[in-house]
Amino acid sequence: AQVETALEKVTPDEFRLHAHHWLIL
């Protein structure tokens, strides 16, 4: 939960949609 909140704060809008996939892969 802390990591999710932190990622939402620091991930630029242009990367938000695919951020999940880039990081997991």
mmCIF file of all heavy atoms, coordinates in Angstrom:
data_MODEL
# 
_entry.id   MODEL 
# 
loop_
_atom_site.group_PDB 
_atom_site.id 
_atom_site.type_symbol 
_atom_site.label_atom_id 
_atom_site.label_alt_id 
_atom_site.label_comp_id 
_atom_site.label_asym_id 
_atom_site.label_entity_id 
_atom_site.label_seq_id 
_atom_site.pdbx_PDB_ins_code 
_atom_site.Cartn_x 
_atom_site.Cartn_y 
_atom_site.Cartn_z 
_atom_site.occupancy 
_atom_site.B_iso_or_equiv 
_atom_site.pdbx_formal_charge 
_atom_site.auth_seq_id 
_atom_site.auth_comp_id 
_atom_site.auth_asym_id 
_atom_site.auth_atom_id 
_atom_site.pdbx_PDB_model_num 
ATOM 1   N N   . ALA A 1 1  ? 0.835  -1.208 0.000   1.00 0.00 ? 1  ALA A N   1 
ATOM 2   C CA  . ALA A 1 1  ? 0.000  0.000  0.000   1.00 0.00 ? 1  ALA A CA  1 
ATOM 3   C C   . ALA A 1 1  ? 0.867  1.255  0.000   1.00 0.00 ? 1  ALA A C   1 
ATOM 4   O O   . ALA A 1 1  ? 0.558  2.234  -0.701  1.00 0.00 ? 1  ALA A O   1 
ATOM 5   C CB  . ALA A 1 1  ? -0.923 -0.004 1.215   1.00 0.00 ? 1  ALA A CB  1 
ATOM 6   N N   . GLN A 1 2  ? 1.943  1.240  0.780   1.00 0.00 ? 2  GLN A N   1 
ATOM 7   C CA  . GLN A 1 2  ? 2.842  2.399  0.811   1.00 0.00 ? 2  GLN A CA  1 
ATOM 8   C C   . GLN A 1 2  ? 3.521  2.598  -0.534  1.00 0.00 ? 2  GLN A C   1 
ATOM 9   O O   . GLN A 1 2  ? 3.670  3.728  -1.016  1.00 0.00 ? 2  GLN A O   1 
ATOM 10  C CB  . GLN A 1 2  ? 3.887  2.214  1.913   1.00 0.00 ? 2  GLN A CB  1 
ATOM 11  C CG  . GLN A 1 2  ? 3.335  2.328  3.324   1.00 0.00 ? 2  GLN A CG  1 
ATOM 12  C CD  . GLN A 1 2  ? 4.405  2.088  4.382   1.00 0.00 ? 2  GLN A CD  1 
ATOM 13  O OE1 . GLN A 1 2  ? 5.539  1.732  4.074   1.00 0.00 ? 2  GLN A OE1 1 
ATOM 14  N NE2 . GLN A 1 2  ? 4.034  2.265  5.648   1.00 0.00 ? 2  GLN A NE2 1 
ATOM 15  N N   . VAL A 1 3  ? 3.931  1.510  -1.149  1.00 0.00 ? 3  VAL A N   1 
ATOM 16  C CA  . VAL A 1 3  ? 4.590  1.607  -2.454  1.00 0.00 ? 3  VAL A CA  1 
ATOM 17  C C   . VAL A 1 3  ? 3.603  2.098  -3.504  1.00 0.00 ? 3  VAL A C   1 
ATOM 18  O O   . VAL A 1 3  ? 3.945  2.936  -4.357  1.00 0.00 ? 3  VAL A O   1 
ATOM 19  C CB  . VAL A 1 3  ? 5.192  0.243  -2.867  1.00 0.00 ? 3  VAL A CB  1 
ATOM 20  C CG1 . VAL A 1 3  ? 5.635  0.263  -4.332  1.00 0.00 ? 3  VAL A CG1 1 
ATOM 21  C CG2 . VAL A 1 3  ? 6.376  -0.101 -1.962  1.00 0.00 ? 3  VAL A CG2 1 
ATOM 22  N N   . GLU A 1 4  ? 2.379  1.606  -3.466  1.00 0.00 ? 4  GLU A N   1 
ATOM 23  C CA  . GLU A 1 4  ? 1.361  2.054  -4.415  1.00 0.00 ? 4  GLU A CA  1 
ATOM 24  C C   . GLU A 1 4  ? 1.136  3.561  -4.302  1.00 0.00 ? 4  GLU A C   1 
ATOM 25  O O   . GLU A 1 4  ? 1.118  4.282  -5.314  1.00 0.00 ? 4  GLU A O   1 
ATOM 26  C CB  . GLU A 1 4  ? 0.035  1.330  -4.167  1.00 0.00 ? 4  GLU A CB  1 
ATOM 27  C CG  . GLU A 1 4  ? -1.068 1.760  -5.126  1.00 0.00 ? 4  GLU A CG  1 
ATOM 28  C CD  . GLU A 1 4  ? -2.408 1.122  -4.816  1.00 0.00 ? 4  GLU A CD  1 
ATOM 29  O OE1 . GLU A 1 4  ? -2.438 0.042  -4.190  1.00 0.00 ? 4  GLU A OE1 1 
ATOM 30  O OE2 . GLU A 1 4  ? -3.442 1.712  -5.199  1.00 0.00 ? 4  GLU A OE2 1 
ATOM 31  N N   . THR A 1 5  ? 0.995  4.039  -3.076  1.00 0.00 ? 5  THR A N   1 
ATOM 32  C CA  . THR A 1 5  ? 0.785  5.469  -2.854  1.00 0.00 ? 5  THR A CA  1 
ATOM 33  C C   . THR A 1 5  ? 1.976  6.279  -3.357  1.00 0.00 ? 5  THR A C   1 
ATOM 34  O O   . THR A 1 5  ? 1.815  7.323  -4.001  1.00 0.00 ? 5  THR A O   1 
ATOM 35  C CB  . THR A 1 5  ? 0.568  5.759  -1.358  1.00 0.00 ? 5  THR A CB  1 
ATOM 36  O OG1 . THR A 1 5  ? -0.610 5.068  -0.918  1.00 0.00 ? 5  THR A OG1 1 
ATOM 37  C CG2 . THR A 1 5  ? 0.391  7.249  -1.104  1.00 0.00 ? 5  THR A CG2 1 
ATOM 38  N N   . ALA A 1 6  ? 3.183  5.780  -3.070  1.00 0.00 ? 6  ALA A N   1 
ATOM 39  C CA  . ALA A 1 6  ? 4.395  6.482  -3.496  1.00 0.00 ? 6  ALA A CA  1 
ATOM 40  C C   . ALA A 1 6  ? 4.513  6.519  -5.017  1.00 0.00 ? 6  ALA A C   1 
ATOM 41  O O   . ALA A 1 6  ? 4.850  7.555  -5.602  1.00 0.00 ? 6  ALA A O   1 
ATOM 42  C CB  . ALA A 1 6  ? 5.626  5.815  -2.884  1.00 0.00 ? 6  ALA A CB  1 
ATOM 43  N N   . LEU A 1 7  ? 4.222  5.399  -5.672  1.00 0.00 ? 7  LEU A N   1 
ATOM 44  C CA  . LEU A 1 7  ? 4.299  5.344  -7.129  1.00 0.00 ? 7  LEU A CA  1 
ATOM 45  C C   . LEU A 1 7  ? 3.282  6.286  -7.776  1.00 0.00 ? 7  LEU A C   1 
ATOM 46  O O   . LEU A 1 7  ? 3.563  6.932  -8.788  1.00 0.00 ? 7  LEU A O   1 
ATOM 47  C CB  . LEU A 1 7  ? 4.081  3.920  -7.625  1.00 0.00 ? 7  LEU A CB  1 
ATOM 48  C CG  . LEU A 1 7  ? 5.256  2.958  -7.462  1.00 0.00 ? 7  LEU A CG  1 
ATOM 49  C CD1 . LEU A 1 7  ? 4.836  1.536  -7.817  1.00 0.00 ? 7  LEU A CD1 1 
ATOM 50  C CD2 . LEU A 1 7  ? 6.445  3.380  -8.325  1.00 0.00 ? 7  LEU A CD2 1 
ATOM 51  N N   . GLU A 1 8  ? 2.105  6.361  -7.194  1.00 0.00 ? 8  GLU A N   1 
ATOM 52  C CA  . GLU A 1 8  ? 1.084  7.248  -7.740  1.00 0.00 ? 8  GLU A CA  1 
ATOM 53  C C   . GLU A 1 8  ? 1.523  8.712  -7.652  1.00 0.00 ? 8  GLU A C   1 
ATOM 54  O O   . GLU A 1 8  ? 1.177  9.521  -8.504  1.00 0.00 ? 8  GLU A O   1 
ATOM 55  C CB  . GLU A 1 8  ? -0.241 7.042  -7.007  1.00 0.00 ? 8  GLU A CB  1 
ATOM 56  C CG  . GLU A 1 8  ? -0.922 5.713  -7.355  1.00 0.00 ? 8  GLU A CG  1 
ATOM 57  C CD  . GLU A 1 8  ? -2.217 5.507  -6.611  1.00 0.00 ? 8  GLU A CD  1 
ATOM 58  O OE1 . GLU A 1 8  ? -2.438 6.214  -5.601  1.00 0.00 ? 8  GLU A OE1 1 
ATOM 59  O OE2 . GLU A 1 8  ? -3.004 4.647  -7.034  1.00 0.00 ? 8  GLU A OE2 1 
ATOM 60  N N   . LYS A 1 9  ? 2.293  9.022  -6.613  1.00 0.00 ? 9  LYS A N   1 
ATOM 61  C CA  . LYS A 1 9  ? 2.751  10.404 -6.426  1.00 0.00 ? 9  LYS A CA  1 
ATOM 62  C C   . LYS A 1 9  ? 3.882  10.772 -7.381  1.00 0.00 ? 9  LYS A C   1 
ATOM 63  O O   . LYS A 1 9  ? 3.944  11.904 -7.860  1.00 0.00 ? 9  LYS A O   1 
ATOM 64  C CB  . LYS A 1 9  ? 3.218  10.609 -4.985  1.00 0.00 ? 9  LYS A CB  1 
ATOM 65  C CG  . LYS A 1 9  ? 2.099  10.653 -3.952  1.00 0.00 ? 9  LYS A CG  1 
ATOM 66  C CD  . LYS A 1 9  ? 2.661  10.884 -2.557  1.00 0.00 ? 9  LYS A CD  1 
ATOM 67  C CE  . LYS A 1 9  ? 1.543  10.969 -1.516  1.00 0.00 ? 9  LYS A CE  1 
ATOM 68  N NZ  . LYS A 1 9  ? 2.087  11.169 -0.142  1.00 0.00 ? 9  LYS A NZ  1 
ATOM 69  N N   . VAL A 1 10 ? 4.769  9.818  -7.663  1.00 0.00 ? 10 VAL A N   1 
ATOM 70  C CA  . VAL A 1 10 ? 5.978  10.158 -8.428  1.00 0.00 ? 10 VAL A CA  1 
ATOM 71  C C   . VAL A 1 10 ? 5.905  9.789  -9.910  1.00 0.00 ? 10 VAL A C   1 
ATOM 72  O O   . VAL A 1 10 ? 6.765  10.207 -10.685 1.00 0.00 ? 10 VAL A O   1 
ATOM 73  C CB  . VAL A 1 10 ? 7.231  9.493  -7.807  1.00 0.00 ? 10 VAL A CB  1 
ATOM 74  C CG1 . VAL A 1 10 ? 7.387  9.902  -6.347  1.00 0.00 ? 10 VAL A CG1 1 
ATOM 75  C CG2 . VAL A 1 10 ? 7.177  7.972  -7.929  1.00 0.00 ? 10 VAL A CG2 1 
ATOM 76  N N   . THR A 1 11 ? 4.903  9.019  -10.308 1.00 0.00 ? 11 THR A N   1 
ATOM 77  C CA  . THR A 1 11 ? 4.803  8.617  -11.718 1.00 0.00 ? 11 THR A CA  1 
ATOM 78  C C   . THR A 1 11 ? 4.155  9.721  -12.542 1.00 0.00 ? 11 THR A C   1 
ATOM 79  O O   . THR A 1 11 ? 3.002  10.079 -12.296 1.00 0.00 ? 11 THR A O   1 
ATOM 80  C CB  . THR A 1 11 ? 3.981  7.326  -11.861 1.00 0.00 ? 11 THR A CB  1 
ATOM 81  O OG1 . THR A 1 11 ? 4.614  6.264  -11.124 1.00 0.00 ? 11 THR A OG1 1 
ATOM 82  C CG2 . THR A 1 11 ? 3.879  6.913  -13.330 1.00 0.00 ? 11 THR A CG2 1 
ATOM 83  N N   . PRO A 1 12 ? 4.871  10.260 -13.522 1.00 0.00 ? 12 PRO A N   1 
ATOM 84  C CA  . PRO A 1 12 ? 4.290  11.306 -14.379 1.00 0.00 ? 12 PRO A CA  1 
ATOM 85  C C   . PRO A 1 12 ? 3.042  10.805 -15.100 1.00 0.00 ? 12 PRO A C   1 
ATOM 86  O O   . PRO A 1 12 ? 2.940  9.625  -15.438 1.00 0.00 ? 12 PRO A O   1 
ATOM 87  C CB  . PRO A 1 12 ? 5.418  11.613 -15.381 1.00 0.00 ? 12 PRO A CB  1 
ATOM 88  C CG  . PRO A 1 12 ? 6.671  11.216 -14.650 1.00 0.00 ? 12 PRO A CG  1 
ATOM 89  C CD  . PRO A 1 12 ? 6.284  9.994  -13.858 1.00 0.00 ? 12 PRO A CD  1 
ATOM 90  N N   . ASP A 1 13 ? 2.100  11.701 -15.336 1.00 0.00 ? 13 ASP A N   1 
ATOM 91  C CA  . ASP A 1 13 ? 0.824  11.323 -15.950 1.00 0.00 ? 13 ASP A CA  1 
ATOM 92  C C   . ASP A 1 13 ? 0.998  10.573 -17.266 1.00 0.00 ? 13 ASP A C   1 
ATOM 93  O O   . ASP A 1 13 ? 0.243  9.635  -17.555 1.00 0.00 ? 13 ASP A O   1 
ATOM 94  C CB  . ASP A 1 13 ? -0.037 12.571 -16.183 1.00 0.00 ? 13 ASP A CB  1 
ATOM 95  C CG  . ASP A 1 13 ? -0.568 13.160 -14.883 1.00 0.00 ? 13 ASP A CG  1 
ATOM 96  O OD1 . ASP A 1 13 ? -0.534 12.447 -13.857 1.00 0.00 ? 13 ASP A OD1 1 
ATOM 97  O OD2 . ASP A 1 13 ? -1.019 14.324 -14.904 1.00 0.00 ? 13 ASP A OD2 1 
ATOM 98  N N   . GLU A 1 14 ? 1.970  10.964 -18.065 1.00 0.00 ? 14 GLU A N   1 
ATOM 99  C CA  . GLU A 1 14 ? 2.127  10.339 -19.377 1.00 0.00 ? 14 GLU A CA  1 
ATOM 100 C C   . GLU A 1 14 ? 2.516  8.862  -19.300 1.00 0.00 ? 14 GLU A C   1 
ATOM 101 O O   . GLU A 1 14 ? 2.383  8.129  -20.277 1.00 0.00 ? 14 GLU A O   1 
ATOM 102 C CB  . GLU A 1 14 ? 3.162  11.098 -20.207 1.00 0.00 ? 14 GLU A CB  1 
ATOM 103 C CG  . GLU A 1 14 ? 4.589  11.009 -19.670 1.00 0.00 ? 14 GLU A CG  1 
ATOM 104 C CD  . GLU A 1 14 ? 5.589  11.691 -20.593 1.00 0.00 ? 14 GLU A CD  1 
ATOM 105 O OE1 . GLU A 1 14 ? 5.718  11.258 -21.751 1.00 0.00 ? 14 GLU A OE1 1 
ATOM 106 O OE2 . GLU A 1 14 ? 6.231  12.656 -20.141 1.00 0.00 ? 14 GLU A OE2 1 
ATOM 107 N N   . PHE A 1 15 ? 2.988  8.431  -18.129 1.00 0.00 ? 15 PHE A N   1 
ATOM 108 C CA  . PHE A 1 15 ? 3.414  7.034  -17.967 1.00 0.00 ? 15 PHE A CA  1 
ATOM 109 C C   . PHE A 1 15 ? 2.458  6.217  -17.102 1.00 0.00 ? 15 PHE A C   1 
ATOM 110 O O   . PHE A 1 15 ? 2.668  5.020  -16.925 1.00 0.00 ? 15 PHE A O   1 
ATOM 111 C CB  . PHE A 1 15 ? 4.805  6.985  -17.332 1.00 0.00 ? 15 PHE A CB  1 
ATOM 112 C CG  . PHE A 1 15 ? 5.871  7.703  -18.118 1.00 0.00 ? 15 PHE A CG  1 
ATOM 113 C CD1 . PHE A 1 15 ? 6.492  8.830  -17.603 1.00 0.00 ? 15 PHE A CD1 1 
ATOM 114 C CD2 . PHE A 1 15 ? 6.252  7.262  -19.376 1.00 0.00 ? 15 PHE A CD2 1 
ATOM 115 C CE1 . PHE A 1 15 ? 7.477  9.500  -18.316 1.00 0.00 ? 15 PHE A CE1 1 
ATOM 116 C CE2 . PHE A 1 15 ? 7.235  7.921  -20.104 1.00 0.00 ? 15 PHE A CE2 1 
ATOM 117 C CZ  . PHE A 1 15 ? 7.848  9.047  -19.572 1.00 0.00 ? 15 PHE A CZ  1 
ATOM 118 N N   . ARG A 1 16 ? 1.412  6.848  -16.557 1.00 0.00 ? 16 ARG A N   1 
ATOM 119 C CA  . ARG A 1 16 ? 0.570  6.186  -15.567 1.00 0.00 ? 16 ARG A CA  1 
ATOM 120 C C   . ARG A 1 16 ? -0.150 4.948  -16.095 1.00 0.00 ? 16 ARG A C   1 
ATOM 121 O O   . ARG A 1 16 ? -0.246 3.932  -15.393 1.00 0.00 ? 16 ARG A O   1 
ATOM 122 C CB  . ARG A 1 16 ? -0.470 7.177  -15.020 1.00 0.00 ? 16 ARG A CB  1 
ATOM 123 C CG  . ARG A 1 16 ? 0.084  8.237  -14.091 1.00 0.00 ? 16 ARG A CG  1 
ATOM 124 C CD  . ARG A 1 16 ? 0.429  7.675  -12.726 1.00 0.00 ? 16 ARG A CD  1 
ATOM 125 N NE  . ARG A 1 16 ? -0.735 7.215  -12.014 1.00 0.00 ? 16 ARG A NE  1 
ATOM 126 C CZ  . ARG A 1 16 ? -1.494 7.999  -11.251 1.00 0.00 ? 16 ARG A CZ  1 
ATOM 127 N NH1 . ARG A 1 16 ? -1.212 9.290  -11.131 1.00 0.00 ? 16 ARG A NH1 1 
ATOM 128 N NH2 . ARG A 1 16 ? -2.529 7.511  -10.616 1.00 0.00 ? 16 ARG A NH2 1 
ATOM 129 N N   . LEU A 1 17 ? -0.655 5.015  -17.319 1.00 0.00 ? 17 LEU A N   1 
ATOM 130 C CA  . LEU A 1 17 ? -1.455 3.903  -17.837 1.00 0.00 ? 17 LEU A CA  1 
ATOM 131 C C   . LEU A 1 17 ? -0.661 2.605  -17.921 1.00 0.00 ? 17 LEU A C   1 
ATOM 132 O O   . LEU A 1 17 ? -1.151 1.539  -17.560 1.00 0.00 ? 17 LEU A O   1 
ATOM 133 C CB  . LEU A 1 17 ? -2.023 4.253  -19.215 1.00 0.00 ? 17 LEU A CB  1 
ATOM 134 C CG  . LEU A 1 17 ? -2.886 3.167  -19.866 1.00 0.00 ? 17 LEU A CG  1 
ATOM 135 C CD1 . LEU A 1 17 ? -4.098 2.857  -18.996 1.00 0.00 ? 17 LEU A CD1 1 
ATOM 136 C CD2 . LEU A 1 17 ? -3.334 3.610  -21.260 1.00 0.00 ? 17 LEU A CD2 1 
ATOM 137 N N   . HIS A 1 18 ? 0.586  2.683  -18.380 1.00 0.00 ? 18 HIS A N   1 
ATOM 138 C CA  . HIS A 1 18 ? 1.388  1.468  -18.579 1.00 0.00 ? 18 HIS A CA  1 
ATOM 139 C C   . HIS A 1 18 ? 2.433  1.230  -17.485 1.00 0.00 ? 18 HIS A C   1 
ATOM 140 O O   . HIS A 1 18 ? 3.199  0.260  -17.579 1.00 0.00 ? 18 HIS A O   1 
ATOM 141 C CB  . HIS A 1 18 ? 2.093  1.530  -19.932 1.00 0.00 ? 18 HIS A CB  1 
ATOM 142 C CG  . HIS A 1 18 ? 1.162  1.494  -21.103 1.00 0.00 ? 18 HIS A CG  1 
ATOM 143 N ND1 . HIS A 1 18 ? 0.158  0.565  -21.239 1.00 0.00 ? 18 HIS A ND1 1 
ATOM 144 C CD2 . HIS A 1 18 ? 1.078  2.291  -22.213 1.00 0.00 ? 18 HIS A CD2 1 
ATOM 145 C CE1 . HIS A 1 18 ? -0.505 0.770  -22.367 1.00 0.00 ? 18 HIS A CE1 1 
ATOM 146 N NE2 . HIS A 1 18 ? 0.036  1.810  -22.971 1.00 0.00 ? 18 HIS A NE2 1 
ATOM 147 N N   . ALA A 1 19 ? 2.493  2.088  -16.484 1.00 0.00 ? 19 ALA A N   1 
ATOM 148 C CA  . ALA A 1 19 ? 3.510  1.951  -15.428 1.00 0.00 ? 19 ALA A CA  1 
ATOM 149 C C   . ALA A 1 19 ? 3.490  0.567  -14.798 1.00 0.00 ? 19 ALA A C   1 
ATOM 150 O O   . ALA A 1 19 ? 4.542  -0.046 -14.561 1.00 0.00 ? 19 ALA A O   1 
ATOM 151 C CB  . ALA A 1 19 ? 3.308  3.030  -14.365 1.00 0.00 ? 19 ALA A CB  1 
ATOM 152 N N   . HIS A 1 20 ? 2.308  0.068  -14.533 1.00 0.00 ? 20 HIS A N   1 
ATOM 153 C CA  . HIS A 1 20 ? 2.160  -1.248 -13.911 1.00 0.00 ? 20 HIS A CA  1 
ATOM 154 C C   . HIS A 1 20 ? 2.872  -2.324 -14.724 1.00 0.00 ? 20 HIS A C   1 
ATOM 155 O O   . HIS A 1 20 ? 3.651  -3.121 -14.189 1.00 0.00 ? 20 HIS A O   1 
ATOM 156 C CB  . HIS A 1 20 ? 0.673  -1.575 -13.771 1.00 0.00 ? 20 HIS A CB  1 
ATOM 157 C CG  . HIS A 1 20 ? 0.361  -3.021 -13.560 1.00 0.00 ? 20 HIS A CG  1 
ATOM 158 N ND1 . HIS A 1 20 ? 0.537  -3.645 -12.349 1.00 0.00 ? 20 HIS A ND1 1 
ATOM 159 C CD2 . HIS A 1 20 ? -0.092 -3.981 -14.416 1.00 0.00 ? 20 HIS A CD2 1 
ATOM 160 C CE1 . HIS A 1 20 ? 0.190  -4.922 -12.462 1.00 0.00 ? 20 HIS A CE1 1 
ATOM 161 N NE2 . HIS A 1 20 ? -0.190 -5.144 -13.700 1.00 0.00 ? 20 HIS A NE2 1 
ATOM 162 N N   . HIS A 1 21 ? 2.626  -2.339 -16.018 1.00 0.00 ? 21 HIS A N   1 
ATOM 163 C CA  . HIS A 1 21 ? 3.224  -3.375 -16.855 1.00 0.00 ? 21 HIS A CA  1 
ATOM 164 C C   . HIS A 1 21 ? 4.731  -3.201 -17.016 1.00 0.00 ? 21 HIS A C   1 
ATOM 165 O O   . HIS A 1 21 ? 5.485  -4.185 -16.970 1.00 0.00 ? 21 HIS A O   1 
ATOM 166 C CB  . HIS A 1 21 ? 2.564  -3.378 -18.241 1.00 0.00 ? 21 HIS A CB  1 
ATOM 167 C CG  . HIS A 1 21 ? 1.200  -3.970 -18.245 1.00 0.00 ? 21 HIS A CG  1 
ATOM 168 N ND1 . HIS A 1 21 ? 0.080  -3.281 -18.636 1.00 0.00 ? 21 HIS A ND1 1 
ATOM 169 C CD2 . HIS A 1 21 ? 0.767  -5.198 -17.877 1.00 0.00 ? 21 HIS A CD2 1 
ATOM 170 C CE1 . HIS A 1 21 ? -0.981 -4.061 -18.512 1.00 0.00 ? 21 HIS A CE1 1 
ATOM 171 N NE2 . HIS A 1 21 ? -0.590 -5.222 -18.056 1.00 0.00 ? 21 HIS A NE2 1 
ATOM 172 N N   . TRP A 1 22 ? 5.177  -1.977 -17.209 1.00 0.00 ? 22 TRP A N   1 
ATOM 173 C CA  . TRP A 1 22 ? 6.622  -1.770 -17.356 1.00 0.00 ? 22 TRP A CA  1 
ATOM 174 C C   . TRP A 1 22 ? 7.376  -2.260 -16.126 1.00 0.00 ? 22 TRP A C   1 
ATOM 175 O O   . TRP A 1 22 ? 8.401  -2.930 -16.240 1.00 0.00 ? 22 TRP A O   1 
ATOM 176 C CB  . TRP A 1 22 ? 6.922  -0.285 -17.592 1.00 0.00 ? 22 TRP A CB  1 
ATOM 177 C CG  . TRP A 1 22 ? 6.620  0.178  -18.976 1.00 0.00 ? 22 TRP A CG  1 
ATOM 178 C CD1 . TRP A 1 22 ? 6.858  -0.488 -20.156 1.00 0.00 ? 22 TRP A CD1 1 
ATOM 179 C CD2 . TRP A 1 22 ? 5.997  1.408  -19.356 1.00 0.00 ? 22 TRP A CD2 1 
ATOM 180 N NE1 . TRP A 1 22 ? 6.445  0.264  -21.230 1.00 0.00 ? 22 TRP A NE1 1 
ATOM 181 C CE2 . TRP A 1 22 ? 5.906  1.429  -20.780 1.00 0.00 ? 22 TRP A CE2 1 
ATOM 182 C CE3 . TRP A 1 22 ? 5.532  2.515  -18.638 1.00 0.00 ? 22 TRP A CE3 1 
ATOM 183 C CZ2 . TRP A 1 22 ? 5.362  2.502  -21.475 1.00 0.00 ? 22 TRP A CZ2 1 
ATOM 184 C CZ3 . TRP A 1 22 ? 4.989  3.589  -19.331 1.00 0.00 ? 22 TRP A CZ3 1 
ATOM 185 C CH2 . TRP A 1 22 ? 4.908  3.577  -20.735 1.00 0.00 ? 22 TRP A CH2 1 
ATOM 186 N N   . LEU A 1 23 ? 6.867  -1.930 -14.959 1.00 0.00 ? 23 LEU A N   1 
ATOM 187 C CA  . LEU A 1 23 ? 7.578  -2.282 -13.723 1.00 0.00 ? 23 LEU A CA  1 
ATOM 188 C C   . LEU A 1 23 ? 7.508  -3.780 -13.427 1.00 0.00 ? 23 LEU A C   1 
ATOM 189 O O   . LEU A 1 23 ? 8.497  -4.377 -12.989 1.00 0.00 ? 23 LEU A O   1 
ATOM 190 C CB  . LEU A 1 23 ? 7.024  -1.475 -12.550 1.00 0.00 ? 23 LEU A CB  1 
ATOM 191 C CG  . LEU A 1 23 ? 7.221  0.045  -12.641 1.00 0.00 ? 23 LEU A CG  1 
ATOM 192 C CD1 . LEU A 1 23 ? 6.562  0.741  -11.447 1.00 0.00 ? 23 LEU A CD1 1 
ATOM 193 C CD2 . LEU A 1 23 ? 8.705  0.396  -12.705 1.00 0.00 ? 23 LEU A CD2 1 
ATOM 194 N N   . ILE A 1 24 ? 6.354  -4.386 -13.664 1.00 0.00 ? 24 ILE A N   1 
ATOM 195 C CA  . ILE A 1 24 ? 6.245  -5.818 -13.363 1.00 0.00 ? 24 ILE A CA  1 
ATOM 196 C C   . ILE A 1 24 ? 7.099  -6.642 -14.317 1.00 0.00 ? 24 ILE A C   1 
ATOM 197 O O   . ILE A 1 24 ? 7.767  -7.604 -13.912 1.00 0.00 ? 24 ILE A O   1 
ATOM 198 C CB  . ILE A 1 24 ? 4.773  -6.282 -13.397 1.00 0.00 ? 24 ILE A CB  1 
ATOM 199 C CG1 . ILE A 1 24 ? 4.654  -7.689 -12.790 1.00 0.00 ? 24 ILE A CG1 1 
ATOM 200 C CG2 . ILE A 1 24 ? 4.214  -6.290 -14.801 1.00 0.00 ? 24 ILE A CG2 1 
ATOM 201 C CD1 . ILE A 1 24 ? 3.210  -8.146 -12.622 1.00 0.00 ? 24 ILE A CD1 1 
ATOM 202 N N   . LEU A 1 25 ? 7.113  -6.269 -15.595 1.00 0.00 ? 25 LEU A N   1 
ATOM 203 C CA  . LEU A 1 25 ? 7.928  -7.004 -16.559 1.00 0.00 ? 25 LEU A CA  1 
ATOM 204 C C   . LEU A 1 25 ? 9.416  -6.799 -16.293 1.00 0.00 ? 25 LEU A C   1 
ATOM 205 O O   . LEU A 1 25 ? 10.216 -7.728 -16.438 1.00 0.00 ? 25 LEU A O   1 
ATOM 206 C CB  . LEU A 1 25 ? 7.571  -6.574 -17.984 1.00 0.00 ? 25 LEU A CB  1 
ATOM 207 C CG  . LEU A 1 25 ? 6.155  -6.950 -18.446 1.00 0.00 ? 25 LEU A CG  1 
ATOM 208 C CD1 . LEU A 1 25 ? 5.846  -6.312 -19.789 1.00 0.00 ? 25 LEU A CD1 1 
ATOM 209 C CD2 . LEU A 1 25 ? 5.999  -8.460 -18.525 1.00 0.00 ? 25 LEU A CD2 1 
# 
